Amino acid sequence: MKKFSFPAAAILLAGIVLGLMMIQKCEPDYGIYRWEKMDGVKTLFCEDQVIGFIGPMAIEGIKIKDEITRLGEGTYRITRSCTNRSVTALDSLRLTLDFVHADSTTFLMIPAVSYQGNQWGRGQE
């Protein structure tokens, strides 16, 4: 077994400890995705590319406010609140939140259909 000198062992140990400390302090890069208001609409970007936007909801007499909170890399909580600004009470209201993707669809899949080993059809249904 080869013996290490004290300075070499100390440098090696310091390098290992420093490396472990740097690994533990690593955090994901949250700068890739961001939300910005573009033409009055909240839009999601990945670096400089538009991913999509929150579809506007316009109901007469109702003020809509969307709050976006970052939960993690590429994960957000969108809270939509509404306030009745009209003089009449509402019996009911249907709230929706639509995310509109910027690109056109190139592939569609019917949910809950097994495409691998589906004995019912040829996969063209």
Protein backbone atom coordinates (compact mmCIF):
# COMPACT_ATOMS: atom_id res chain seq x y z
CA MET A 1 0.00 0.00 0.00
CA LYS A 2 1.38 3.36 -0.99
CA LYS A 3 1.66 5.99 1.72
CA PHE A 4 0.44 9.53 1.08
CA SER A 5 2.24 12.49 2.47
CA PHE A 6 0.24 14.65 4.87
CA PRO A 7 -0.08 17.61 2.43
CA ALA A 8 -1.32 15.33 -0.37
CA ALA A 9 -3.83 13.63 1.94
CA ALA A 10 -5.05 17.01 3.27
CA ILE A 11 -5.52 18.37 -0.27
CA LEU A 12 -7.36 15.21 -1.33
CA LEU A 13 -9.62 15.31 1.73
CA ALA A 14 -10.31 19.04 1.27
CA GLY A 15 -11.20 18.43 -2.38
CA ILE A 16 -13.65 15.67 -1.43
CA VAL A 17 -15.28 17.77 1.31
CA LEU A 18 -15.51 20.83 -0.96
CA GLY A 19 -16.98 18.73 -3.76
CA LEU A 20 -19.64 17.28 -1.45
CA MET A 21 -20.52 20.75 -0.18
CA MET A 22 -20.93 22.02 -3.74
CA ILE A 23 -23.15 19.07 -4.69
CA GLN A 24 -25.42 19.66 -1.70
CA LYS A 25 -25.79 23.34 -2.53
CA CYS A 26 -26.75 22.71 -6.15
CA GLU A 27 -30.19 24.05 -6.98
CA PRO A 28 -32.10 23.66 -10.23
CA ASP A 29 -31.90 26.49 -12.72
CA TYR A 30 -35.17 28.35 -12.32
CA GLY A 31 -34.22 30.85 -15.02
CA ILE A 32 -35.29 28.71 -17.99
CA TYR A 33 -39.07 29.17 -17.63
CA ARG A 34 -40.78 32.47 -16.92
CA TRP A 35 -44.17 34.14 -17.17
CA GLU A 36 -44.52 37.57 -18.74
CA LYS A 37 -47.44 39.72 -19.76
CA MET A 38 -47.48 40.02 -23.55
CA ASP A 39 -50.22 42.03 -25.25
CA GLY A 40 -52.15 41.98 -21.96
CA VAL A 41 -52.05 38.16 -21.74
CA LYS A 42 -49.93 36.12 -19.30
CA THR A 43 -47.53 34.15 -21.49
CA LEU A 44 -45.17 31.27 -20.59
CA PHE A 45 -41.67 31.36 -22.09
CA CYS A 46 -38.88 28.78 -22.16
CA GLU A 47 -35.81 30.95 -22.52
CA ASP A 48 -36.90 33.16 -25.48
CA GLN A 49 -39.45 30.78 -27.03
CA VAL A 50 -43.18 31.25 -26.40
CA ILE A 51 -44.68 28.02 -25.00
CA GLY A 52 -48.26 29.24 -24.65
CA PHE A 53 -50.53 31.59 -22.79
CA ILE A 54 -53.49 31.68 -20.43
CA GLY A 55 -56.60 32.23 -22.51
CA PRO A 56 -58.40 35.40 -21.49
CA MET A 57 -61.78 35.05 -19.82
CA ALA A 58 -64.18 37.94 -20.36
CA ILE A 59 -67.51 37.97 -18.55
CA GLU A 60 -69.42 41.23 -18.36
CA GLY A 61 -69.40 42.62 -14.83
CA ILE A 62 -66.83 40.10 -13.57
CA LYS A 63 -63.23 41.04 -12.77
CA ILE A 64 -60.84 38.13 -13.28
CA LYS A 65 -57.41 38.00 -11.64
CA ASP A 66 -54.80 35.29 -12.20
CA GLU A 67 -51.94 34.81 -9.76
CA ILE A 68 -49.04 32.58 -10.79
CA THR A 69 -46.77 31.06 -8.12
CA ARG A 70 -43.62 29.10 -8.97
CA LEU A 71 -43.54 25.70 -7.24
CA GLY A 72 -40.44 24.29 -8.96
CA GLU A 73 -38.71 24.05 -12.32
CA GLY A 74 -41.49 24.25 -14.90
CA THR A 75 -44.19 23.79 -12.24
CA TYR A 76 -46.58 26.58 -11.33
CA ARG A 77 -49.75 27.10 -9.34
CA ILE A 78 -52.25 29.32 -11.14
CA THR A 79 -54.93 30.77 -8.88
CA ARG A 80 -57.86 32.42 -10.62
CA SER A 81 -60.13 34.63 -8.58
CA CYS A 82 -63.17 36.56 -9.68
CA THR A 83 -65.10 39.50 -8.26
CA ASN A 84 -68.64 40.46 -9.20
CA ARG A 85 -68.49 44.14 -10.16
CA SER A 86 -72.03 44.31 -11.51
CA VAL A 87 -75.03 45.60 -9.55
CA THR A 88 -76.90 42.29 -9.77
CA ALA A 89 -76.16 39.08 -7.91
CA LEU A 90 -75.20 35.98 -9.86
CA ASP A 91 -77.02 32.70 -9.41
CA SER A 92 -74.19 30.70 -10.96
CA LEU A 93 -70.90 31.19 -12.71
CA ARG A 94 -68.75 28.79 -14.69
CA LEU A 95 -65.04 29.43 -14.25
CA THR A 96 -62.54 27.91 -16.65
CA LEU A 97 -58.84 28.34 -17.15
CA ASP A 98 -57.47 27.58 -20.59
CA PHE A 99 -53.79 27.22 -21.42
CA VAL A 100 -53.35 27.73 -25.17
CA HIS A 101 -50.22 26.11 -26.61
CA ALA A 102 -48.37 28.31 -29.10
CA ASP A 103 -47.70 25.55 -31.67
CA SER A 104 -50.18 23.51 -33.66
CA THR A 105 -50.87 19.92 -32.66
CA THR A 106 -48.80 17.27 -34.44
CA PHE A 107 -49.97 14.18 -32.50
CA LEU A 108 -53.22 13.25 -30.77
CA MET A 109 -53.86 10.30 -28.49
CA ILE A 110 -57.19 9.09 -27.15
CA PRO A 111 -56.85 8.69 -23.37
CA ALA A 112 -57.41 5.28 -21.76
CA VAL A 113 -56.81 3.28 -24.96
CA SER A 114 -53.99 0.76 -24.99
CA TYR A 115 -52.10 1.20 -28.25
CA GLN A 116 -49.55 -1.50 -27.52
CA GLY A 117 -51.14 -4.92 -27.84
CA ASN A 118 -54.66 -3.58 -28.46
CA GLN A 119 -56.52 -6.64 -29.79
CA TRP A 120 -59.68 -4.65 -30.60
CA GLY A 121 -58.42 -2.61 -33.53
CA ARG A 122 -55.56 -1.89 -35.88
CA GLY A 123 -54.55 1.33 -34.06
CA GLN A 124 -56.17 3.56 -36.67
CA GLU A 125 -59.40 4.19 -34.76
